[in-house]
N, C-alpha and C. Protein backbone atom coordinates (compact mmCIF):
# COMPACT_ATOMS: atom_id res chain seq x y z
N MET A 1 -14.01 0.73 -11.66
CA MET A 1 -13.08 1.67 -11.06
C MET A 1 -12.10 0.94 -10.15
N ILE A 2 -10.85 1.25 -10.33
CA ILE A 2 -9.80 0.72 -9.47
C ILE A 2 -9.45 1.84 -8.49
N PHE A 3 -9.33 1.49 -7.26
CA PHE A 3 -9.08 2.50 -6.24
C PHE A 3 -8.01 2.01 -5.29
N PRO A 4 -7.05 2.79 -4.88
CA PRO A 4 -6.79 4.17 -5.31
C PRO A 4 -5.96 4.21 -6.59
N GLN A 5 -5.92 5.37 -7.21
CA GLN A 5 -5.12 5.58 -8.42
C GLN A 5 -3.96 6.50 -8.08
N PRO A 6 -2.76 6.18 -8.54
CA PRO A 6 -1.62 7.04 -8.21
C PRO A 6 -1.73 8.40 -8.88
N VAL A 7 -1.18 9.41 -8.25
CA VAL A 7 -1.08 10.73 -8.86
C VAL A 7 0.32 10.80 -9.46
N LEU A 8 0.37 10.63 -10.78
CA LEU A 8 1.63 10.59 -11.51
C LEU A 8 1.83 11.93 -12.22
N ILE A 9 2.97 12.55 -12.00
CA ILE A 9 3.27 13.82 -12.66
C ILE A 9 4.32 13.55 -13.72
N LEU A 10 3.90 13.63 -14.98
CA LEU A 10 4.79 13.40 -16.10
C LEU A 10 5.48 14.72 -16.45
N ALA A 11 6.78 14.66 -16.65
CA ALA A 11 7.54 15.85 -17.02
C ALA A 11 8.32 15.59 -18.30
N THR A 12 8.33 16.61 -19.17
CA THR A 12 8.99 16.51 -20.46
C THR A 12 9.61 17.86 -20.81
N TYR A 13 10.43 17.83 -21.84
CA TYR A 13 10.90 19.07 -22.47
C TYR A 13 10.22 19.20 -23.82
N ASP A 14 9.87 20.45 -24.18
CA ASP A 14 9.30 20.67 -25.50
C ASP A 14 10.41 20.92 -26.52
N GLU A 15 10.01 21.30 -27.72
CA GLU A 15 10.97 21.50 -28.80
C GLU A 15 11.97 22.62 -28.52
N ASN A 16 11.64 23.54 -27.58
CA ASN A 16 12.54 24.64 -27.22
C ASN A 16 13.33 24.36 -25.94
N GLY A 17 13.14 23.18 -25.38
CA GLY A 17 13.83 22.84 -24.13
C GLY A 17 13.14 23.36 -22.89
N THR A 18 11.88 23.80 -23.04
CA THR A 18 11.10 24.28 -21.92
C THR A 18 10.44 23.10 -21.20
N ALA A 19 10.57 23.08 -19.88
CA ALA A 19 9.98 22.00 -19.08
C ALA A 19 8.46 22.12 -19.04
N ASN A 20 7.79 20.99 -19.09
CA ASN A 20 6.34 20.92 -19.00
C ASN A 20 5.99 19.75 -18.08
N ALA A 21 4.85 19.84 -17.42
CA ALA A 21 4.38 18.74 -16.56
C ALA A 21 2.88 18.60 -16.68
N MET A 22 2.42 17.38 -16.47
CA MET A 22 0.97 17.13 -16.43
C MET A 22 0.69 16.03 -15.41
N ASN A 23 -0.54 16.01 -14.93
CA ASN A 23 -1.01 15.05 -13.95
C ASN A 23 -1.72 13.93 -14.70
N ALA A 24 -1.39 12.69 -14.38
CA ALA A 24 -2.05 11.53 -14.98
C ALA A 24 -2.29 10.50 -13.89
N ALA A 25 -3.50 9.96 -13.82
CA ALA A 25 -3.81 8.98 -12.78
C ALA A 25 -3.91 7.57 -13.32
N TRP A 26 -4.00 7.42 -14.64
CA TRP A 26 -4.22 6.09 -15.19
C TRP A 26 -2.90 5.48 -15.62
N GLY A 27 -2.17 4.94 -14.64
CA GLY A 27 -0.90 4.33 -14.97
C GLY A 27 -0.43 3.39 -13.88
N GLY A 28 0.61 2.64 -14.21
CA GLY A 28 1.18 1.73 -13.24
C GLY A 28 2.41 1.04 -13.80
N ILE A 29 2.99 0.17 -12.99
CA ILE A 29 4.20 -0.54 -13.33
C ILE A 29 3.85 -1.85 -14.04
N VAL A 30 4.63 -2.20 -15.06
CA VAL A 30 4.48 -3.46 -15.78
C VAL A 30 5.81 -4.20 -15.64
N GLY A 31 5.80 -5.29 -14.90
CA GLY A 31 7.05 -6.00 -14.66
C GLY A 31 7.98 -5.15 -13.81
N ASN A 32 9.27 -5.39 -13.94
CA ASN A 32 10.25 -4.64 -13.15
C ASN A 32 10.81 -3.42 -13.86
N ASP A 33 10.58 -3.33 -15.17
CA ASP A 33 11.31 -2.31 -15.91
C ASP A 33 10.48 -1.46 -16.85
N LYS A 34 9.15 -1.50 -16.71
CA LYS A 34 8.30 -0.70 -17.59
C LYS A 34 7.19 -0.01 -16.81
N ILE A 35 6.75 1.10 -17.37
CA ILE A 35 5.60 1.82 -16.82
C ILE A 35 4.61 2.00 -17.97
N ILE A 36 3.33 1.90 -17.66
CA ILE A 36 2.29 2.10 -18.67
C ILE A 36 1.38 3.22 -18.19
N ILE A 37 1.03 4.09 -19.11
CA ILE A 37 0.16 5.22 -18.78
C ILE A 37 -0.80 5.42 -19.94
N GLU A 38 -2.08 5.64 -19.62
CA GLU A 38 -3.02 6.01 -20.66
C GLU A 38 -2.89 7.51 -20.86
N LEU A 39 -2.49 7.89 -22.06
CA LEU A 39 -2.17 9.29 -22.33
C LEU A 39 -2.74 9.68 -23.69
N ALA A 40 -3.81 10.47 -23.67
CA ALA A 40 -4.43 10.95 -24.90
C ALA A 40 -3.57 12.08 -25.49
N SER A 41 -4.11 12.81 -26.39
CA SER A 41 -3.38 13.89 -27.07
C SER A 41 -3.21 15.10 -26.14
N HIS A 42 -1.98 15.38 -25.79
CA HIS A 42 -1.61 16.50 -24.93
C HIS A 42 -0.29 17.06 -25.42
N LYS A 43 0.09 18.22 -24.93
CA LYS A 43 1.41 18.76 -25.22
C LYS A 43 2.47 17.77 -24.73
N THR A 44 2.23 17.18 -23.57
CA THR A 44 3.16 16.19 -23.02
C THR A 44 3.34 15.01 -23.98
N THR A 45 2.26 14.55 -24.58
CA THR A 45 2.33 13.44 -25.54
C THR A 45 3.23 13.83 -26.72
N ASP A 46 3.01 15.02 -27.25
CA ASP A 46 3.85 15.50 -28.36
C ASP A 46 5.31 15.58 -27.94
N ASN A 47 5.56 16.09 -26.74
CA ASN A 47 6.94 16.20 -26.24
C ASN A 47 7.60 14.83 -26.13
N ILE A 48 6.85 13.87 -25.64
CA ILE A 48 7.40 12.51 -25.50
C ILE A 48 7.72 11.93 -26.88
N MET A 49 6.85 12.14 -27.84
CA MET A 49 7.09 11.63 -29.19
C MET A 49 8.35 12.27 -29.79
N ASN A 50 8.56 13.55 -29.52
CA ASN A 50 9.72 14.26 -30.06
C ASN A 50 11.02 13.92 -29.34
N ARG A 51 10.99 13.84 -28.02
CA ARG A 51 12.21 13.64 -27.23
C ARG A 51 12.47 12.17 -26.89
N LYS A 52 11.44 11.32 -27.05
CA LYS A 52 11.55 9.89 -26.75
C LYS A 52 11.89 9.61 -25.29
N ALA A 53 11.49 10.54 -24.41
CA ALA A 53 11.80 10.38 -22.99
C ALA A 53 10.81 11.18 -22.14
N PHE A 54 10.70 10.78 -20.87
CA PHE A 54 9.85 11.48 -19.91
C PHE A 54 10.21 11.02 -18.52
N THR A 55 9.80 11.78 -17.52
CA THR A 55 9.94 11.34 -16.14
C THR A 55 8.56 11.26 -15.52
N VAL A 56 8.44 10.43 -14.52
CA VAL A 56 7.19 10.27 -13.79
C VAL A 56 7.51 10.44 -12.31
N SER A 57 6.98 11.51 -11.72
CA SER A 57 7.16 11.73 -10.29
C SER A 57 5.88 11.39 -9.56
N ILE A 58 6.01 11.07 -8.30
CA ILE A 58 4.86 10.72 -7.48
C ILE A 58 4.37 11.98 -6.78
N GLY A 59 3.11 12.34 -7.01
CA GLY A 59 2.53 13.49 -6.33
C GLY A 59 2.53 13.27 -4.83
N ASP A 60 2.77 14.35 -4.07
CA ASP A 60 2.78 14.22 -2.61
C ASP A 60 1.90 15.28 -1.97
N LYS A 61 1.66 15.09 -0.68
CA LYS A 61 0.77 15.98 0.06
C LYS A 61 1.24 17.43 0.02
N GLU A 62 2.54 17.64 0.23
CA GLU A 62 3.08 19.00 0.27
C GLU A 62 2.85 19.76 -1.03
N HIS A 63 2.83 19.05 -2.17
CA HIS A 63 2.73 19.71 -3.47
C HIS A 63 1.41 19.40 -4.17
N MET A 64 0.38 19.05 -3.40
CA MET A 64 -0.91 18.69 -3.97
C MET A 64 -1.48 19.80 -4.86
N LEU A 65 -1.39 21.06 -4.44
CA LEU A 65 -1.95 22.16 -5.26
C LEU A 65 -1.25 22.23 -6.61
N ALA A 66 0.08 22.15 -6.61
CA ALA A 66 0.84 22.19 -7.85
C ALA A 66 0.52 20.99 -8.72
N CYS A 67 0.39 19.82 -8.11
CA CYS A 67 0.08 18.61 -8.86
C CYS A 67 -1.30 18.71 -9.51
N ASP A 68 -2.25 19.27 -8.80
CA ASP A 68 -3.58 19.45 -9.36
C ASP A 68 -3.54 20.50 -10.48
N TYR A 69 -2.81 21.59 -10.25
CA TYR A 69 -2.71 22.66 -11.24
C TYR A 69 -2.21 22.15 -12.59
N VAL A 70 -1.15 21.32 -12.58
CA VAL A 70 -0.61 20.85 -13.86
C VAL A 70 -1.55 19.86 -14.54
N GLY A 71 -2.57 19.41 -13.81
CA GLY A 71 -3.58 18.53 -14.40
C GLY A 71 -4.76 19.27 -14.98
N ILE A 72 -4.96 20.52 -14.57
CA ILE A 72 -6.13 21.26 -15.05
C ILE A 72 -5.78 22.38 -16.03
N VAL A 73 -4.49 22.65 -16.20
CA VAL A 73 -4.06 23.71 -17.11
C VAL A 73 -3.26 23.07 -18.25
N SER A 74 -3.59 23.44 -19.47
CA SER A 74 -2.91 22.88 -20.64
C SER A 74 -1.61 23.61 -20.92
N GLY A 75 -0.57 22.84 -21.20
CA GLY A 75 0.70 23.42 -21.61
C GLY A 75 0.61 24.09 -22.98
N ASN A 76 -0.41 23.74 -23.76
CA ASN A 76 -0.62 24.40 -25.06
C ASN A 76 -1.14 25.82 -24.88
N LYS A 77 -1.79 26.08 -23.75
CA LYS A 77 -2.37 27.41 -23.50
C LYS A 77 -1.55 28.23 -22.51
N GLU A 78 -0.80 27.57 -21.64
CA GLU A 78 0.01 28.25 -20.63
C GLU A 78 1.46 27.80 -20.74
N PRO A 79 2.28 28.61 -21.46
CA PRO A 79 3.67 28.20 -21.68
C PRO A 79 4.53 28.16 -20.40
N ASP A 80 4.13 28.88 -19.36
CA ASP A 80 4.90 28.91 -18.10
C ASP A 80 4.26 28.05 -17.02
N LYS A 81 3.52 27.04 -17.43
CA LYS A 81 2.79 26.17 -16.50
C LYS A 81 3.71 25.55 -15.45
N PHE A 82 4.86 25.06 -15.85
CA PHE A 82 5.81 24.41 -14.95
C PHE A 82 6.23 25.36 -13.84
N GLU A 83 6.64 26.56 -14.22
CA GLU A 83 7.09 27.57 -13.25
C GLU A 83 5.93 28.06 -12.38
N LYS A 84 4.76 28.25 -12.99
CA LYS A 84 3.59 28.72 -12.22
C LYS A 84 3.18 27.71 -11.16
N ALA A 85 3.46 26.44 -11.41
CA ALA A 85 3.17 25.40 -10.43
C ALA A 85 4.17 25.45 -9.27
N GLY A 86 5.27 26.19 -9.48
CA GLY A 86 6.30 26.26 -8.45
C GLY A 86 7.33 25.15 -8.57
N PHE A 87 7.36 24.48 -9.72
CA PHE A 87 8.30 23.40 -9.95
C PHE A 87 9.63 23.93 -10.49
N THR A 88 10.70 23.24 -10.12
CA THR A 88 12.04 23.52 -10.60
C THR A 88 12.54 22.30 -11.36
N ALA A 89 13.03 22.52 -12.58
CA ALA A 89 13.52 21.41 -13.40
C ALA A 89 15.01 21.19 -13.20
N GLU A 90 15.36 19.92 -13.08
CA GLU A 90 16.76 19.51 -13.08
C GLU A 90 16.89 18.48 -14.19
N LYS A 91 17.78 18.72 -15.13
CA LYS A 91 17.91 17.80 -16.26
C LYS A 91 18.41 16.44 -15.79
N SER A 92 17.69 15.41 -16.18
CA SER A 92 18.13 14.04 -15.89
C SER A 92 19.40 13.77 -16.68
N ASP A 93 20.32 13.04 -16.09
CA ASP A 93 21.50 12.64 -16.85
C ASP A 93 21.31 11.25 -17.46
N LYS A 94 20.10 10.69 -17.30
CA LYS A 94 19.79 9.36 -17.85
C LYS A 94 18.88 9.42 -19.08
N VAL A 95 17.96 10.41 -19.09
CA VAL A 95 17.02 10.56 -20.21
C VAL A 95 16.88 12.05 -20.54
N ASP A 96 16.32 12.34 -21.71
CA ASP A 96 16.15 13.72 -22.16
C ASP A 96 14.83 14.29 -21.62
N ALA A 97 14.77 14.43 -20.30
CA ALA A 97 13.56 14.91 -19.64
C ALA A 97 13.95 15.52 -18.29
N PRO A 98 13.09 16.41 -17.76
CA PRO A 98 13.40 17.03 -16.46
C PRO A 98 12.95 16.21 -15.27
N ILE A 99 13.72 16.33 -14.21
CA ILE A 99 13.32 15.80 -12.90
C ILE A 99 12.74 16.99 -12.15
N ILE A 100 11.59 16.81 -11.53
CA ILE A 100 10.98 17.87 -10.73
C ILE A 100 11.61 17.82 -9.35
N LYS A 101 12.41 18.82 -9.03
CA LYS A 101 13.18 18.80 -7.79
C LYS A 101 12.30 18.76 -6.54
N GLU A 102 11.11 19.33 -6.61
CA GLU A 102 10.24 19.41 -5.44
C GLU A 102 9.58 18.07 -5.09
N LEU A 103 9.47 17.16 -6.04
CA LEU A 103 8.84 15.86 -5.80
C LEU A 103 9.93 14.82 -5.56
N PRO A 104 9.93 14.16 -4.40
CA PRO A 104 11.08 13.35 -3.99
C PRO A 104 11.29 12.01 -4.68
N ILE A 105 10.28 11.50 -5.38
CA ILE A 105 10.44 10.21 -6.06
C ILE A 105 10.17 10.40 -7.55
N CYS A 106 11.14 9.98 -8.37
CA CYS A 106 11.05 10.19 -9.82
C CYS A 106 11.53 8.96 -10.57
N VAL A 107 10.71 8.51 -11.51
CA VAL A 107 11.05 7.39 -12.38
C VAL A 107 11.42 7.99 -13.73
N GLU A 108 12.64 7.71 -14.19
CA GLU A 108 13.15 8.25 -15.44
C GLU A 108 12.96 7.21 -16.54
N CYS A 109 12.32 7.62 -17.65
CA CYS A 109 11.90 6.66 -18.66
C CYS A 109 12.27 7.05 -20.08
N LYS A 110 12.54 6.03 -20.88
CA LYS A 110 12.69 6.18 -22.33
C LYS A 110 11.41 5.64 -22.96
N LEU A 111 10.95 6.30 -24.01
CA LEU A 111 9.76 5.84 -24.71
C LEU A 111 10.02 4.46 -25.31
N LYS A 112 9.16 3.52 -25.00
CA LYS A 112 9.24 2.18 -25.58
C LYS A 112 8.23 2.08 -26.72
N SER A 113 6.97 2.51 -26.45
CA SER A 113 5.95 2.49 -27.50
C SER A 113 4.79 3.40 -27.12
N TYR A 114 4.05 3.79 -28.15
CA TYR A 114 2.82 4.56 -27.95
C TYR A 114 1.83 4.15 -29.02
N ASP A 115 0.62 3.79 -28.60
CA ASP A 115 -0.44 3.39 -29.52
C ASP A 115 -1.49 4.51 -29.54
N LYS A 116 -1.60 5.20 -30.66
CA LYS A 116 -2.55 6.32 -30.77
C LYS A 116 -4.00 5.88 -30.62
N GLU A 117 -4.31 4.66 -31.04
CA GLU A 117 -5.69 4.18 -30.95
C GLU A 117 -6.11 3.92 -29.52
N THR A 118 -5.25 3.27 -28.74
CA THR A 118 -5.60 2.93 -27.36
C THR A 118 -5.09 3.99 -26.37
N CYS A 119 -4.22 4.89 -26.84
CA CYS A 119 -3.58 5.91 -26.00
C CYS A 119 -2.67 5.30 -24.94
N ARG A 120 -2.16 4.10 -25.19
CA ARG A 120 -1.28 3.44 -24.23
C ARG A 120 0.18 3.79 -24.50
N LEU A 121 0.77 4.40 -23.51
CA LEU A 121 2.18 4.77 -23.55
C LEU A 121 2.94 3.78 -22.68
N ILE A 122 4.00 3.22 -23.21
CA ILE A 122 4.85 2.34 -22.42
C ILE A 122 6.25 2.93 -22.41
N GLY A 123 6.78 3.09 -21.20
CA GLY A 123 8.12 3.60 -21.04
C GLY A 123 9.02 2.57 -20.40
N GLU A 124 10.28 2.56 -20.82
CA GLU A 124 11.28 1.70 -20.21
C GLU A 124 11.90 2.47 -19.05
N ILE A 125 11.84 1.91 -17.86
CA ILE A 125 12.41 2.56 -16.67
C ILE A 125 13.92 2.38 -16.72
N VAL A 126 14.64 3.51 -16.76
CA VAL A 126 16.10 3.43 -16.80
C VAL A 126 16.74 3.86 -15.48
N ASN A 127 15.97 4.55 -14.65
CA ASN A 127 16.51 4.97 -13.35
C ASN A 127 15.36 5.41 -12.45
N VAL A 128 15.55 5.25 -11.16
CA VAL A 128 14.61 5.79 -10.16
C VAL A 128 15.42 6.68 -9.24
N SER A 129 15.02 7.95 -9.17
CA SER A 129 15.69 8.91 -8.29
C SER A 129 14.85 9.10 -7.04
N VAL A 130 15.49 9.05 -5.88
CA VAL A 130 14.77 9.25 -4.62
C VAL A 130 15.57 10.23 -3.78
N ASP A 131 14.92 11.29 -3.33
CA ASP A 131 15.57 12.26 -2.46
C ASP A 131 15.77 11.62 -1.09
N GLU A 132 16.94 11.83 -0.51
CA GLU A 132 17.25 11.19 0.78
C GLU A 132 16.32 11.63 1.91
N SER A 133 15.60 12.74 1.73
CA SER A 133 14.69 13.21 2.78
C SER A 133 13.54 12.25 3.04
N VAL A 134 13.26 11.33 2.10
CA VAL A 134 12.16 10.39 2.30
C VAL A 134 12.65 8.96 2.59
N LEU A 135 13.93 8.83 2.91
CA LEU A 135 14.48 7.52 3.23
C LEU A 135 14.49 7.27 4.73
N ASP A 136 14.37 5.99 5.11
CA ASP A 136 14.49 5.63 6.51
C ASP A 136 15.97 5.38 6.85
N GLU A 137 16.23 4.95 8.07
CA GLU A 137 17.62 4.74 8.52
C GLU A 137 18.33 3.62 7.76
N ASN A 138 17.56 2.75 7.07
CA ASN A 138 18.16 1.65 6.29
C ASN A 138 18.30 1.99 4.81
N GLY A 139 17.92 3.20 4.44
CA GLY A 139 18.03 3.61 3.04
C GLY A 139 16.85 3.23 2.18
N ASN A 140 15.75 2.79 2.81
CA ASN A 140 14.53 2.45 2.07
C ASN A 140 13.56 3.62 2.09
N VAL A 141 12.70 3.70 1.07
CA VAL A 141 11.69 4.75 1.05
C VAL A 141 10.74 4.55 2.22
N ASP A 142 10.52 5.61 2.99
CA ASP A 142 9.57 5.61 4.10
C ASP A 142 8.30 6.29 3.57
N VAL A 143 7.25 5.51 3.37
CA VAL A 143 6.03 6.03 2.77
C VAL A 143 5.46 7.19 3.59
N SER A 144 5.58 7.14 4.91
CA SER A 144 5.04 8.23 5.73
C SER A 144 5.81 9.53 5.49
N LYS A 145 7.12 9.44 5.20
CA LYS A 145 7.89 10.64 4.87
C LYS A 145 7.60 11.12 3.45
N ALA A 146 7.42 10.19 2.52
CA ALA A 146 7.15 10.54 1.12
C ALA A 146 5.77 11.16 0.97
N ALA A 147 4.83 10.77 1.80
CA ALA A 147 3.45 11.29 1.80
C ALA A 147 2.81 11.31 0.42
N PRO A 148 2.85 10.15 -0.30
CA PRO A 148 2.25 10.12 -1.63
C PRO A 148 0.74 10.31 -1.56
N ILE A 149 0.22 10.95 -2.61
CA ILE A 149 -1.23 11.11 -2.69
C ILE A 149 -1.76 10.25 -3.83
N THR A 150 -3.00 9.83 -3.68
CA THR A 150 -3.68 9.06 -4.71
C THR A 150 -4.96 9.81 -5.09
N PHE A 151 -5.46 9.46 -6.27
CA PHE A 151 -6.69 10.06 -6.75
C PHE A 151 -7.84 9.13 -6.41
N ASP A 152 -8.86 9.65 -5.78
CA ASP A 152 -10.07 8.92 -5.45
C ASP A 152 -11.10 9.26 -6.54
N PRO A 153 -11.31 8.36 -7.53
CA PRO A 153 -12.21 8.67 -8.63
C PRO A 153 -13.68 8.69 -8.24
N PHE A 154 -14.01 8.10 -7.10
CA PHE A 154 -15.40 8.09 -6.66
C PHE A 154 -15.84 9.45 -6.13
N ASN A 155 -14.90 10.18 -5.53
CA ASN A 155 -15.23 11.47 -4.90
C ASN A 155 -14.44 12.64 -5.46
N ASN A 156 -13.66 12.41 -6.54
CA ASN A 156 -12.79 13.46 -7.09
C ASN A 156 -11.99 14.14 -5.99
N ALA A 157 -11.23 13.31 -5.28
CA ALA A 157 -10.46 13.81 -4.14
C ALA A 157 -9.05 13.22 -4.19
N TYR A 158 -8.13 13.89 -3.51
CA TYR A 158 -6.79 13.36 -3.31
C TYR A 158 -6.71 12.82 -1.89
N ILE A 159 -6.15 11.63 -1.75
CA ILE A 159 -6.04 10.96 -0.46
C ILE A 159 -4.56 10.67 -0.20
N ARG A 160 -4.11 10.95 1.00
CA ARG A 160 -2.72 10.66 1.36
C ARG A 160 -2.61 9.20 1.80
N LEU A 161 -1.59 8.51 1.30
CA LEU A 161 -1.28 7.15 1.74
C LEU A 161 -0.33 7.21 2.92
N GLY A 162 -0.23 6.13 3.66
CA GLY A 162 0.76 6.15 4.71
C GLY A 162 0.68 5.11 5.81
N GLU A 163 -0.47 4.53 6.09
CA GLU A 163 -0.55 3.60 7.21
C GLU A 163 -0.17 2.19 6.78
N LYS A 164 0.82 1.63 7.44
CA LYS A 164 1.22 0.25 7.19
C LYS A 164 0.25 -0.67 7.92
N VAL A 165 -0.25 -1.69 7.21
CA VAL A 165 -1.20 -2.61 7.82
C VAL A 165 -0.68 -4.05 7.87
N GLY A 166 0.47 -4.30 7.27
CA GLY A 166 1.04 -5.65 7.30
C GLY A 166 2.28 -5.74 6.45
N ASP A 167 2.94 -6.90 6.51
CA ASP A 167 4.14 -7.15 5.73
C ASP A 167 3.81 -8.00 4.52
N ALA A 168 4.08 -7.48 3.32
CA ALA A 168 3.81 -8.21 2.08
C ALA A 168 4.65 -9.48 2.01
N PHE A 169 4.06 -10.51 1.46
CA PHE A 169 4.69 -11.81 1.27
C PHE A 169 5.06 -12.49 2.59
N LYS A 170 4.47 -12.01 3.68
CA LYS A 170 4.74 -12.61 4.99
C LYS A 170 3.46 -12.78 5.79
N ALA A 171 2.61 -11.75 5.82
CA ALA A 171 1.40 -11.79 6.64
C ALA A 171 0.52 -12.99 6.31
N GLY A 172 0.37 -13.30 5.03
CA GLY A 172 -0.48 -14.41 4.61
C GLY A 172 0.00 -15.78 5.00
N THR A 173 1.25 -15.89 5.40
CA THR A 173 1.77 -17.20 5.80
C THR A 173 1.06 -17.70 7.06
N ALA A 174 0.43 -16.81 7.79
CA ALA A 174 -0.32 -17.24 8.99
C ALA A 174 -1.50 -18.14 8.63
N LEU A 175 -1.93 -18.11 7.38
CA LEU A 175 -3.05 -18.95 6.94
C LEU A 175 -2.59 -20.29 6.33
N LYS A 176 -1.29 -20.48 6.21
CA LYS A 176 -0.78 -21.74 5.65
C LYS A 176 -1.01 -22.89 6.61
């Protein structure tokens, strides 16, 4: 088990242009321009195969209930899942997928590949959208404002991230 796991909310359009979202915790960044997600057979998977695009938003504390809801309800059984979660779709102008307006950080992706045997989805990151409400005075994402949540697989819980404990690529120089 790797801990913590990000709460990734994948959003797609179906064949009728209806927005759909699902919660996925098994994913991460590959290099500077790709995202990988383990994604079995879901309505979202079908939508991605058809539209060749998807967005990935970061679940946050304020929308934890909605983020959990889209992970426990199937879009195949609940056609209004996106709206019932309280999400509002804004069409990305970079990919054929919706941006969830309520979630402040969104990675917009084009389908690069999908392996049905391993369920590995790889997307090419074409844009990252960040709402200015989570930026600091220098224009950088402020994690405490973004309030991202992670999935704790040991306790089936969501945990909020936020405490800075050091500076990356600098703190370790004290041991040189």
